Amino acid sequence: MTPRAKTPHPGKTAAQRRVLDLIGSGIFTPPMSERTREGLRASGLIRKCGQKIVGVDRYGPILVDEWEMPPAVHMQWCQHCAEKCDDEP
């Protein structure tokens, strides 16, 4: 039996791990609280990569920030996902 894959970023909250999973999977505008976002940003796990127009109202375009993982963080996240798949029967 192989040992269970460790979380790639120990000490992060469940909400932060959920956001990392969404960003790692290609969802660059995940729903997250300001506290979750700032915790991940301050740790260097995510960075702002642009903005997306999600609509237009009478004041102009409605913009939402897009977030990405730096390449080294994304590679670590991918490795963790691969180890989790290896553990499944």
Foldseek 3Di string as FASTA:
>chain_A
DDDQQDDLDPPQDPQLSVVLVCQLVPNFQDDDDPVSVVVCVVVLQKDWDAWDFPDADPVGTDIGTGMHGPPVNSVSVVVSVVRNVVPDD
